[in-house]
Amino acid sequence: MKILSEKNVIRILQSATLPKNASELSKECNVSLTTVYRQVKRLNDKKLLIVSGSIDDGGKKHFTFKSKNSVYCKCACSTVDLTSFLQSKE
Protein backbone atom coordinates (compact mmCIF):
# COMPACT_ATOMS: atom_id res chain seq x y z
CA MET A 1 0.00 0.00 0.00
CA LYS A 2 2.99 2.28 -0.58
CA ILE A 3 0.95 4.09 -3.24
CA LEU A 4 -1.30 5.53 -0.50
CA SER A 5 1.61 7.52 0.94
CA GLU A 6 1.95 9.79 -2.10
CA LYS A 7 0.40 13.28 -1.91
CA ASN A 8 -0.98 13.36 -5.46
CA VAL A 9 -2.54 9.94 -5.02
CA ILE A 10 -4.20 10.97 -1.76
CA ARG A 11 -5.57 14.15 -3.35
CA ILE A 12 -6.98 12.23 -6.30
CA LEU A 13 -8.59 9.54 -4.14
CA GLN A 14 -10.12 12.11 -1.80
CA SER A 15 -11.40 14.21 -4.68
CA ALA A 16 -12.88 11.21 -6.47
CA THR A 17 -15.35 10.21 -3.75
CA LEU A 18 -17.92 11.19 -6.40
CA PRO A 19 -17.35 10.26 -10.06
CA LYS A 20 -15.21 12.88 -11.82
CA ASN A 21 -13.39 13.14 -15.12
CA ALA A 22 -9.64 13.72 -15.41
CA SER A 23 -10.02 17.44 -16.08
CA GLU A 24 -12.10 17.94 -12.93
CA LEU A 25 -9.57 15.97 -10.87
CA SER A 26 -6.70 18.01 -12.31
CA LYS A 27 -8.35 21.30 -11.34
CA GLU A 28 -9.49 20.19 -7.88
CA CYS A 29 -6.19 18.55 -6.97
CA ASN A 30 -4.02 21.25 -8.51
CA VAL A 31 -1.97 18.72 -10.50
CA SER A 32 -1.31 18.46 -14.21
CA LEU A 33 -3.59 16.44 -16.44
CA THR A 34 -0.63 14.19 -17.29
CA THR A 35 -0.12 13.46 -13.59
CA VAL A 36 -3.82 12.67 -13.15
CA TYR A 37 -3.77 10.16 -16.02
CA ARG A 38 -0.56 8.54 -14.74
CA GLN A 39 -1.90 8.24 -11.17
CA VAL A 40 -5.34 7.07 -12.33
CA LYS A 41 -3.66 4.26 -14.26
CA ARG A 42 -1.66 3.25 -11.19
CA LEU A 43 -4.73 3.43 -8.94
CA ASN A 44 -6.78 1.42 -11.41
CA ASP A 45 -4.02 -1.21 -11.62
CA LYS A 46 -4.15 -1.48 -7.81
CA LYS A 47 -7.97 -1.71 -7.95
CA LEU A 48 -8.45 1.46 -5.87
CA LEU A 49 -10.64 3.21 -8.47
CA ILE A 50 -13.84 2.46 -10.30
CA VAL A 51 -13.50 3.54 -13.93
CA SER A 52 -16.65 4.13 -15.96
CA GLY A 53 -16.87 5.40 -19.47
CA SER A 54 -18.25 5.42 -22.94
CA ILE A 55 -17.31 6.30 -26.49
CA ASP A 56 -19.59 8.68 -28.38
CA ASP A 57 -20.55 8.40 -32.05
CA GLY A 58 -17.58 10.54 -33.03
CA GLY A 59 -15.15 8.18 -31.29
CA LYS A 60 -14.44 10.49 -28.35
CA LYS A 61 -13.86 8.72 -25.05
CA HIS A 62 -15.57 9.94 -21.87
CA PHE A 63 -14.35 8.41 -18.61
CA THR A 64 -15.08 9.11 -14.96
CA PHE A 65 -13.15 7.89 -11.95
CA LYS A 66 -14.46 7.14 -8.46
CA SER A 67 -12.58 6.00 -5.35
CA LYS A 68 -13.50 2.61 -3.92
CA ASN A 69 -14.68 2.56 -0.31
CA SER A 70 -12.89 -0.69 0.40
CA VAL A 71 -10.38 -2.97 -1.25
CA TYR A 72 -9.55 -6.65 -0.84
CA CYS A 73 -6.02 -7.10 0.47
CA LYS A 74 -4.38 -10.35 -0.72
CA CYS A 75 -1.59 -10.28 1.85
CA ALA A 76 -3.95 -10.05 4.83
CA CYS A 77 -6.76 -12.10 3.24
CA SER A 78 -9.24 -9.46 4.30
CA THR A 79 -10.99 -6.32 3.16
CA VAL A 80 -9.49 -2.94 4.04
CA ASP A 81 -12.03 -0.16 4.64
CA LEU A 82 -10.81 3.08 3.04
CA THR A 83 -13.78 5.25 4.03
CA SER A 84 -12.11 7.07 6.93
CA PHE A 85 -8.92 7.53 4.89
CA LEU A 86 -10.83 9.11 2.01
CA GLN A 87 -12.74 11.46 4.28
CA SER A 88 -9.67 12.71 6.16
CA LYS A 89 -7.80 15.73 4.86
CA GLU A 90 -4.01 16.11 4.76
PDB file of N, CA and C in Angstrom:
ATOM      1  N   MET A   1       0.813  -1.194   0.000  1.00  0.00           N
ATOM      2  CA  MET A   1       0.000   0.000   0.000  1.00  0.00           C
ATOM      3  C   MET A   1       0.861   1.265   0.000  1.00  0.00           C
ATOM      4  N   LYS A   2       2.076   1.141  -0.493  1.00  0.00           N
ATOM      5  CA  LYS A   2       2.986   2.276  -0.584  1.00  0.00           C
ATOM      6  C   LYS A   2       2.379   3.422  -1.391  1.00  0.00           C
ATOM      7  N   ILE A   3       1.570   3.083  -2.371  1.00  0.00           N
ATOM      8  CA  ILE A   3       0.952   4.087  -3.239  1.00  0.00           C
ATOM      9  C   ILE A   3       0.114   5.091  -2.436  1.00  0.00           C
ATOM     10  N   LEU A   4      -0.441   4.660  -1.314  1.00  0.00           N
ATOM     11  CA  LEU A   4      -1.300   5.532  -0.501  1.00  0.00           C
ATOM     12  C   LEU A   4      -0.514   6.554   0.320  1.00  0.00           C
ATOM     13  N   SER A   5       0.808   6.535   0.210  1.00  0.00           N
ATOM     14  CA  SER A   5       1.613   7.516   0.938  1.00  0.00           C
ATOM     15  C   SER A   5       1.993   8.721   0.066  1.00  0.00           C
ATOM     16  N   GLU A   6       1.587   8.718  -1.186  1.00  0.00           N
ATOM     17  CA  GLU A   6       1.953   9.794  -2.101  1.00  0.00           C
ATOM     18  C   GLU A   6       0.882  10.895  -2.106  1.00  0.00           C
ATOM     19  N   LYS A   7       1.330  12.154  -2.007  1.00  0.00           N
ATOM     20  CA  LYS A   7       0.396  13.285  -1.906  1.00  0.00           C
ATOM     21  C   LYS A   7      -0.577  13.378  -3.073  1.00  0.00           C
ATOM     22  N   ASN A   8      -0.086  13.254  -4.298  1.00  0.00           N
ATOM     23  CA  ASN A   8      -0.978  13.360  -5.461  1.00  0.00           C
ATOM     24  C   ASN A   8      -2.013  12.249  -5.478  1.00  0.00           C
ATOM     25  N   VAL A   9      -1.615  11.069  -5.070  1.00  0.00           N
ATOM     26  CA  VAL A   9      -2.539   9.936  -5.021  1.00  0.00           C
ATOM     27  C   VAL A   9      -3.631  10.200  -3.979  1.00  0.00           C
ATOM     28  N   ILE A  10      -3.234  10.673  -2.821  1.00  0.00           N
ATOM     29  CA  ILE A  10      -4.199  10.967  -1.761  1.00  0.00           C
ATOM     30  C   ILE A  10      -5.189  12.028  -2.227  1.00  0.00           C
ATOM     31  N   ARG A  11      -4.685  13.091  -2.846  1.00  0.00           N
ATOM     32  CA  ARG A  11      -5.567  14.150  -3.354  1.00  0.00           C
ATOM     33  C   ARG A  11      -6.570  13.605  -4.355  1.00  0.00           C
ATOM     34  N   ILE A  12      -6.101  12.781  -5.276  1.00  0.00           N
ATOM     35  CA  ILE A  12      -6.985  12.232  -6.304  1.00  0.00           C
ATOM     36  C   ILE A  12      -8.035  11.326  -5.679  1.00  0.00           C
ATOM     37  N   LEU A  13      -7.626  10.446  -4.786  1.00  0.00           N
ATOM     38  CA  LEU A  13      -8.588   9.545  -4.144  1.00  0.00           C
ATOM     39  C   LEU A  13      -9.629  10.313  -3.332  1.00  0.00           C
ATOM     40  N   GLN A  14      -9.188  11.331  -2.602  1.00  0.00           N
ATOM     41  CA  GLN A  14     -10.124  12.105  -1.795  1.00  0.00           C
ATOM     42  C   GLN A  14     -11.052  12.933  -2.676  1.00  0.00           C
ATOM     43  N   SER A  15     -10.572  13.415  -3.776  1.00  0.00           N
ATOM     44  CA  SER A  15     -11.398  14.210  -4.681  1.00  0.00           C
ATOM     45  C   SER A  15     -12.407  13.344  -5.433  1.00  0.00           C
ATOM     46  N   ALA A  16     -12.050  12.092  -5.656  1.00  0.00           N
ATOM     47  CA  ALA A  16     -12.883  11.208  -6.471  1.00  0.00           C
ATOM     48  C   ALA A  16     -13.886  10.403  -5.647  1.00  0.00           C
ATOM     49  N   THR A  17     -14.318  10.928  -4.514  1.00  0.00           N
ATOM     50  CA  THR A  17     -15.350  10.215  -3.754  1.00  0.00           C
ATOM     51  C   THR A  17     -16.671  10.224  -4.517  1.00  0.00           C
ATOM     52  N   LEU A  18     -16.828  11.183  -5.420  1.00  0.00           N
ATOM     53  CA  LEU A  18     -17.925  11.193  -6.397  1.00  0.00           C
ATOM     54  C   LEU A  18     -17.278  11.056  -7.769  1.00  0.00           C
ATOM     55  N   PRO A  19     -17.955  10.435  -8.739  1.00  0.00           N
ATOM     56  CA  PRO A  19     -17.347  10.263 -10.065  1.00  0.00           C
ATOM     57  C   PRO A  19     -16.955  11.603 -10.695  1.00  0.00           C
ATOM     58  N   LYS A  20     -15.715  11.668 -11.179  1.00  0.00           N
ATOM     59  CA  LYS A  20     -15.206  12.883 -11.821  1.00  0.00           C
ATOM     60  C   LYS A  20     -14.336  12.494 -13.003  1.00  0.00           C
ATOM     61  N   ASN A  21     -14.276  13.398 -13.998  1.00  0.00           N
ATOM     62  CA  ASN A  21     -13.387  13.140 -15.120  1.00  0.00           C
ATOM     63  C   ASN A  21     -11.989  13.660 -14.797  1.00  0.00           C
ATOM     64  N   ALA A  22     -11.043  13.360 -15.664  1.00  0.00           N
ATOM     65  CA  ALA A  22      -9.638  13.718 -15.408  1.00  0.00           C
ATOM     66  C   ALA A  22      -9.441  15.225 -15.304  1.00  0.00           C
ATOM     67  N   SER A  23     -10.146  15.983 -16.111  1.00  0.00           N
ATOM     68  CA  SER A  23     -10.021  17.439 -16.084  1.00  0.00           C
ATOM     69  C   SER A  23     -10.479  18.000 -14.737  1.00  0.00           C
ATOM     70  N   GLU A  24     -11.597  17.498 -14.231  1.00  0.00           N
ATOM     71  CA  GLU A  24     -12.101  17.942 -12.929  1.00  0.00           C
ATOM     72  C   GLU A  24     -11.104  17.589 -11.819  1.00  0.00           C
ATOM     73  N   LEU A  25     -10.550  16.381 -11.873  1.00  0.00           N
ATOM     74  CA  LEU A  25      -9.569  15.967 -10.868  1.00  0.00           C
ATOM     75  C   LEU A  25      -8.321  16.840 -10.929  1.00  0.00           C
ATOM     76  N   SER A  26      -7.884  17.160 -12.135  1.00  0.00           N
ATOM     77  CA  SER A  26      -6.704  18.005 -12.313  1.00  0.00           C
ATOM     78  C   SER A  26      -6.904  19.370 -11.665  1.00  0.00           C
ATOM     79  N   LYS A  27      -8.057  19.974 -11.903  1.00  0.00           N
ATOM     80  CA  LYS A  27      -8.345  21.299 -11.341  1.00  0.00           C
ATOM     81  C   LYS A  27      -8.486  21.241  -9.819  1.00  0.00           C
ATOM     82  N   GLU A  28      -9.250  20.281  -9.324  1.00  0.00           N
ATOM     83  CA  GLU A  28      -9.492  20.190  -7.883  1.00  0.00           C
ATOM     84  C   GLU A  28      -8.234  19.833  -7.085  1.00  0.00           C
ATOM     85  N   CYS A  29      -7.380  19.023  -7.683  1.00  0.00           N
ATOM     86  CA  CYS A  29      -6.187  18.549  -6.974  1.00  0.00           C
ATOM     87  C   CYS A  29      -4.962  19.408  -7.241  1.00  0.00           C
ATOM     88  N   ASN A  30      -5.121  20.357  -8.148  1.00  0.00           N
ATOM     89  CA  ASN A  30      -4.022  21.249  -8.510  1.00  0.00           C
ATOM     90  C   ASN A  30      -2.788  20.473  -8.991  1.00  0.00           C
ATOM     91  N   VAL A  31      -3.032  19.494  -9.862  1.00  0.00           N
ATOM     92  CA  VAL A  31      -1.971  18.721 -10.496  1.00  0.00           C
ATOM     93  C   VAL A  31      -2.219  18.709 -11.999  1.00  0.00           C
ATOM     94  N   SER A  32      -1.173  18.458 -12.764  1.00  0.00           N
ATOM     95  CA  SER A  32      -1.313  18.462 -14.215  1.00  0.00           C
ATOM     96  C   SER A  32      -2.189  17.301 -14.686  1.00  0.00           C
ATOM     97  N   LEU A  33      -2.757  17.475 -15.852  1.00  0.00           N
ATOM     98  CA  LEU A  33      -3.595  16.437 -16.443  1.00  0.00           C
ATOM     99  C   LEU A  33      -2.775  15.168 -16.685  1.00  0.00           C
ATOM    100  N   THR A  34      -1.521  15.344 -17.079  1.00  0.00           N
ATOM    101  CA  THR A  34      -0.632  14.194 -17.290  1.00  0.00           C
ATOM    102  C   THR A  34      -0.460  13.406 -16.000  1.00  0.00           C
ATOM    103  N   THR A  35      -0.274  14.110 -14.897  1.00  0.00           N
ATOM    104  CA  THR A  35      -0.122  13.455 -13.592  1.00  0.00           C
ATOM    105  C   THR A  35      -1.391  12.710 -13.217  1.00  0.00           C
ATOM    106  N   VAL A  36      -2.550  13.332 -13.458  1.00  0.00           N
ATOM    107  CA  VAL A  36      -3.818  12.667 -13.152  1.00  0.00           C
ATOM    108  C   VAL A  36      -3.921  11.355 -13.918  1.00  0.00           C
ATOM    109  N   TYR A  37      -3.669  11.388 -15.222  1.00  0.00           N
ATOM    110  CA  TYR A  37      -3.775  10.160 -16.017  1.00  0.00           C
ATOM    111  C   TYR A  37      -2.782   9.091 -15.550  1.00  0.00           C
ATOM    112  N   ARG A  38      -1.559   9.499 -15.209  1.00  0.00           N
ATOM    113  CA  ARG A  38      -0.562   8.540 -14.737  1.00  0.00           C
ATOM    114  C   ARG A  38      -1.002   7.913 -13.410  1.00  0.00           C
ATOM    115  N   GLN A  39      -1.485   8.757 -12.484  1.00  0.00           N
ATOM    116  CA  GLN A  39      -1.901   8.245 -11.174  1.00  0.00           C
ATOM    117  C   GLN A  39      -3.188   7.417 -11.274  1.00  0.00           C
ATOM    118  N   VAL A  40      -4.101   7.834 -12.141  1.00  0.00           N
ATOM    119  CA  VAL A  40      -5.338   7.073 -12.331  1.00  0.00           C
ATOM    120  C   VAL A  40      -5.012   5.674 -12.843  1.00  0.00           C
ATOM    121  N   LYS A  41      -4.058   5.579 -13.753  1.00  0.00           N
ATOM    122  CA  LYS A  41      -3.660   4.262 -14.259  1.00  0.00           C
ATOM    123  C   LYS A  41      -3.102   3.407 -13.131  1.00  0.00           C
ATOM    124  N   ARG A  42      -2.234   3.990 -12.321  1.00  0.00           N
ATOM    125  CA  ARG A  42      -1.659   3.249 -11.187  1.00  0.00           C
ATOM    126  C   ARG A  42      -2.741   2.821 -10.201  1.00  0.00           C
ATOM    127  N   LEU A  43      -3.654   3.743  -9.878  1.00  0.00           N
ATOM    128  CA  LEU A  43      -4.728   3.431  -8.937  1.00  0.00           C
ATOM    129  C   LEU A  43      -5.664   2.363  -9.490  1.00  0.00           C
ATOM    130  N   ASN A  44      -5.938   2.424 -10.782  1.00  0.00           N
ATOM    131  CA  ASN A  44      -6.785   1.418 -11.410  1.00  0.00           C
ATOM    132  C   ASN A  44      -6.089   0.054 -11.401  1.00  0.00           C
ATOM    133  N   ASP A  45      -4.794   0.036 -11.667  1.00  0.00           N
ATOM    134  CA  ASP A  45      -4.023  -1.211 -11.623  1.00  0.00           C
ATOM    135  C   ASP A  45      -4.064  -1.840 -10.234  1.00  0.00           C
ATOM    136  N   LYS A  46      -4.092  -1.001  -9.196  1.00  0.00           N
ATOM    137  CA  LYS A  46      -4.145  -1.482  -7.810  1.00  0.00           C
ATOM    138  C   LYS A  46      -5.581  -1.705  -7.329  1.00  0.00           C
ATOM    139  N   LYS A  47      -6.537  -1.498  -8.235  1.00  0.00           N
ATOM    140  CA  LYS A  47      -7.968  -1.710  -7.949  1.00  0.00           C
ATOM    141  C   LYS A  47      -8.497  -0.789  -6.850  1.00  0.00           C
ATOM    142  N   LEU A  48      -7.996   0.468  -6.845  1.00  0.00           N
ATOM    143  CA  LEU A  48      -8.446   1.459  -5.874  1.00  0.00           C
ATOM    144  C   LEU A  48      -9.439   2.442  -6.474  1.00  0.00           C
ATOM    145  N   LEU A  49      -9.700   2.331  -7.776  1.00  0.00           N
ATOM    146  CA  LEU A  49     -10.641   3.214  -8.467  1.00  0.00           C
ATOM    147  C   LEU A  49     -11.652   2.407  -9.248  1.00  0.00           C
ATOM    148  N   ILE A  50     -12.829   2.995  -9.400  1.00  0.00           N
ATOM    149  CA  ILE A  50     -13.842   2.455 -10.302  1.00  0.00           C
ATOM    150  C   ILE A  50     -13.816   3.359 -11.528  1.00  0.00           C
ATOM    151  N   VAL A  51     -13.568   2.779 -12.688  1.00  0.00           N
ATOM    152  CA  VAL A  51     -13.504   3.540 -13.926  1.00  0.00           C
ATOM    153  C   VAL A  51     -14.750   3.223 -14.739  1.00  0.00           C
ATOM    154  N   SER A  52     -15.461   4.274 -15.125  1.00  0.00           N
ATOM    155  CA  SER A  52     -16.650   4.129 -15.962  1.00  0.00           C
ATOM    156  C   SER A  52     -16.463   4.991 -17.190  1.00  0.00           C
ATOM    157  N   GLY A  53     -17.024   4.568 -18.288  1.00  0.00           N
ATOM    158  CA  GLY A  53     -16.871   5.402 -19.467  1.00  0.00           C
ATOM    159  C   GLY A  53     -17.671   4.927 -20.656  1.00  0.00           C
ATOM    160  N   SER A  54     -17.568   5.735 -21.687  1.00  0.00           N
ATOM    161  CA  SER A  54     -18.255   5.425 -22.935  1.00  0.00           C
ATOM    162  C   SER A  54     -17.512   6.102 -24.076  1.00  0.00           C
ATOM    163  N   ILE A  55     -17.862   5.691 -25.282  1.00  0.00           N
ATOM    164  CA  ILE A  55     -17.308   6.299 -26.485  1.00  0.00           C
ATOM    165  C   ILE A  55     -18.481   6.805 -27.300  1.00  0.00           C
ATOM    166  N   ASP A  56     -18.462   8.110 -27.630  1.00  0.00           N
ATOM    167  CA  ASP A  56     -19.585   8.677 -28.380  1.00  0.00           C
ATOM    168  C   ASP A  56     -19.495   8.313 -29.864  1.00  0.00           C
ATOM    169  N   ASP A  57     -20.484   8.725 -30.635  1.00  0.00           N
ATOM    170  CA  ASP A  57     -20.549   8.396 -32.053  1.00  0.00           C
ATOM    171  C   ASP A  57     -19.349   8.908 -32.830  1.00  0.00           C
ATOM    172  N   GLY A  58     -18.747   9.976 -32.377  1.00  0.00           N
ATOM    173  CA  GLY A  58     -17.576  10.543 -33.032  1.00  0.00           C
ATOM    174  C   GLY A  58     -16.274   9.868 -32.625  1.00  0.00           C
ATOM    175  N   GLY A  59     -16.340   8.898 -31.736  1.00  0.00           N
ATOM    176  CA  GLY A  59     -15.150   8.176 -31.294  1.00  0.00           C
ATOM    177  C   GLY A  59     -14.462   8.787 -30.086  1.00  0.00           C
ATOM    178  N   LYS A  60     -15.041   9.848 -29.521  1.00  0.00           N
ATOM    179  CA  LYS A  60     -14.441  10.495 -28.347  1.00  0.00           C
ATOM    180  C   LYS A  60     -14.748   9.673 -27.096  1.00  0.00           C
ATOM    181  N   LYS A  61     -13.719   9.484 -26.289  1.00  0.00           N
ATOM    182  CA  LYS A  61     -13.858   8.716 -25.049  1.00  0.00           C
ATOM    183  C   LYS A  61     -14.221   9.641 -23.897  1.00  0.00           C
ATOM    184  N   HIS A  62     -15.142   9.198 -23.062  1.00  0.00           N
ATOM    185  CA  HIS A  62     -15.573   9.941 -21.874  1.00  0.00           C
ATOM    186  C   HIS A  62     -15.477   8.995 -20.681  1.00  0.00           C
ATOM    187  N   PHE A  63     -14.534   9.266 -19.774  1.00  0.00           N
ATOM    188  CA  PHE A  63     -14.351   8.411 -18.606  1.00  0.00           C
ATOM    189  C   PHE A  63     -14.512   9.204 -17.322  1.00  0.00           C
ATOM    190  N   THR A  64     -15.035   8.545 -16.298  1.00  0.00           N
ATOM    191  CA  THR A  64     -15.078   9.112 -14.956  1.00  0.00           C
ATOM    192  C   THR A  64     -14.392   8.131 -14.013  1.00  0.00           C
ATOM    193  N   PHE A  65     -13.903   8.681 -12.918  1.00  0.00           N
ATOM    194  CA  PHE A  65     -13.153   7.893 -11.948  1.00  0.00           C
ATOM    195  C   PHE A  65     -13.741   8.131 -10.565  1.00  0.00           C
ATOM    196  N   LYS A  66     -13.898   7.045  -9.806  1.00  0.00           N
ATOM    197  CA  LYS A  66     -14.456   7.139  -8.458  1.00  0.00           C
ATOM    198  C   LYS A  66     -13.638   6.247  -7.530  1.00  0.00           C
ATOM    199  N   SER A  67     -13.332   6.766  -6.353  1.00  0.00           N
ATOM    200  CA  SER A  67     -12.584   5.997  -5.351  1.00  0.00           C
ATOM    201  C   SER A  67     -13.446   4.851  -4.835  1.00  0.00           C
ATOM    202  N   LYS A  68     -12.800   3.727  -4.563  1.00  0.00           N
ATOM    203  CA  LYS A  68     -13.505   2.613  -3.917  1.00  0.00           C
ATOM    204  C   LYS A  68     -13.531   2.875  -2.414  1.00  0.00           C
ATOM    205  N   ASN A  69     -14.569   2.402  -1.768  1.00  0.00           N
ATOM    206  CA  ASN A  69     -14.684   2.559  -0.311  1.00  0.00           C
ATOM    207  C   ASN A  69     -13.907   1.493   0.441  1.00  0.00           C
ATOM    208  N   SER A  70     -13.663   0.370  -0.224  1.00  0.00           N
ATOM    209  CA  SER A  70     -12.889  -0.693   0.404  1.00  0.00           C
ATOM    210  C   SER A  70     -12.176  -1.476  -0.690  1.00  0.00           C
ATOM    211  N   VAL A  71     -11.153  -2.188  -0.296  1.00  0.00           N
ATOM    212  CA  VAL A  71     -10.375  -2.970  -1.254  1.00  0.00           C
ATOM    213  C   VAL A  71      -9.969  -4.273  -0.580  1.00  0.00           C
ATOM    214  N   TYR A  72      -9.968  -5.354  -1.362  1.00  0.00           N
ATOM    215  CA  TYR A  72      -9.550  -6.651  -0.835  1.00  0.00           C
ATOM    216  C   TYR A  72      -8.034  -6.707  -0.818  1.00  0.00           C
ATOM    217  N   CYS A  73      -7.469  -7.039   0.305  1.00  0.00           N
ATOM    218  CA  CYS A  73      -6.016  -7.097   0.467  1.00  0.00           C
ATOM    219  C   CYS A  73      -5.567  -8.566   0.452  1.00  0.00           C
ATOM    220  N   LYS A  74      -4.831  -8.956  -0.582  1.00  0.00           N
ATOM    221  CA  LYS A  74      -4.384 -10.349  -0.716  1.00  0.00           C
ATOM    222  C   LYS A  74      -3.474 -10.778   0.433  1.00  0.00           C
ATOM    223  N   CYS A  75      -2.571  -9.890   0.832  1.00  0.00           N
ATOM    224  CA  CYS A  75      -1.593 -10.278   1.846  1.00  0.00           C
ATOM    225  C   CYS A  75      -2.242 -10.572   3.198  1.00  0.00           C
ATOM    226  N   ALA A  76      -3.295  -9.859   3.534  1.00  0.00           N
ATOM    227  CA  ALA A  76      -3.947 -10.053   4.833  1.00  0.00           C
ATOM    228  C   ALA A  76      -5.200 -10.918   4.720  1.00  0.00           C
ATOM    229  N   CYS A  77      -5.561 -11.282   3.479  1.00  0.00           N
ATOM    230  CA  CYS A  77      -6.763 -12.096   3.242  1.00  0.00           C
ATOM    231  C   CYS A  77      -7.999 -11.459   3.871  1.00  0.00           C
ATOM    232  N   SER A  78      -8.100 -10.159   3.735  1.00  0.00           N
ATOM    233  CA  SER A  78      -9.243  -9.457   4.305  1.00  0.00           C
ATOM    234  C   SER A  78      -9.560  -8.235   3.461  1.00  0.00           C
ATOM    235  N   THR A  79     -10.604  -7.535   3.844  1.00  0.00           N
ATOM    236  CA  THR A  79     -10.990  -6.318   3.163  1.00  0.00           C
ATOM    237  C   THR A  79     -10.556  -5.126   4.001  1.00  0.00           C
ATOM    238  N   VAL A  80      -9.949  -4.143   3.350  1.00  0.00           N
ATOM    239  CA  VAL A  80      -9.495  -2.935   4.037  1.00  0.00           C
ATOM    240  C   VAL A  80     -10.498  -1.830   3.744  1.00  0.00           C
ATOM    241  N   ASP A  81     -11.068  -1.247   4.791  1.00  0.00           N
ATOM    242  CA  ASP A  81     -12.026  -0.156   4.643  1.00  0.00           C
ATOM    243  C   ASP A  81     -11.270   1.154   4.461  1.00  0.00           C
ATOM    244  N   LEU A  82     -11.508   1.832   3.339  1.00  0.00           N
ATOM    245  CA  LEU A  82     -10.811   3.075   3.037  1.00  0.00           C
ATOM    246  C   LEU A  82     -11.655   4.312   3.327  1.00  0.00           C
ATOM    247  N   THR A  83     -12.858   4.147   3.827  1.00  0.00           N
ATOM    248  CA  THR A  83     -13.780   5.253   4.032  1.00  0.00           C
ATOM    249  C   THR A  83     -13.190   6.360   4.884  1.00  0.00           C
ATOM    250  N   SER A  84     -12.644   6.029   6.039  1.00  0.00           N
ATOM    251  CA  SER A  84     -12.107   7.074   6.927  1.00  0.00           C
ATOM    252  C   SER A  84     -10.875   7.738   6.301  1.00  0.00           C
ATOM    253  N   PHE A  85     -10.085   6.981   5.572  1.00  0.00           N
ATOM    254  CA  PHE A  85      -8.922   7.532   4.893  1.00  0.00           C
ATOM    255  C   PHE A  85      -9.344   8.551   3.838  1.00  0.00           C
ATOM    256  N   LEU A  86     -10.368   8.223   3.083  1.00  0.00           N
ATOM    257  CA  LEU A  86     -10.825   9.106   2.011  1.00  0.00           C
ATOM    258  C   LEU A  86     -11.491  10.358   2.538  1.00  0.00           C
ATOM    259  N   GLN A  87     -12.062  10.297   3.720  1.00  0.00           N
ATOM    260  CA  GLN A  87     -12.740  11.460   4.280  1.00  0.00           C
ATOM    261  C   GLN A  87     -11.766  12.380   5.010  1.00  0.00           C
ATOM    262  N   SER A  88     -10.625  11.863   5.439  1.00  0.00           N
ATOM    263  CA  SER A  88      -9.671  12.705   6.160  1.00  0.00           C
ATOM    264  C   SER A  88      -8.943  13.619   5.185  1.00  0.00           C
ATOM    265  N   LYS A  89      -8.544  14.754   5.659  1.00  0.00           N
ATOM    266  CA  LYS A  89      -7.795  15.729   4.862  1.00  0.00           C
ATOM    267  C   LYS A  89      -6.361  15.718   5.335  1.00  0.00           C
ATOM    268  N   GLU A  90      -5.442  16.104   4.437  1.00  0.00           N
ATOM    269  CA  GLU A  90      -4.010  16.114   4.765  1.00  0.00           C
ATOM    270  C   GLU A  90      -3.698  16.988   5.950  1.00  0.00           C
TER     271      GLU A  90
END
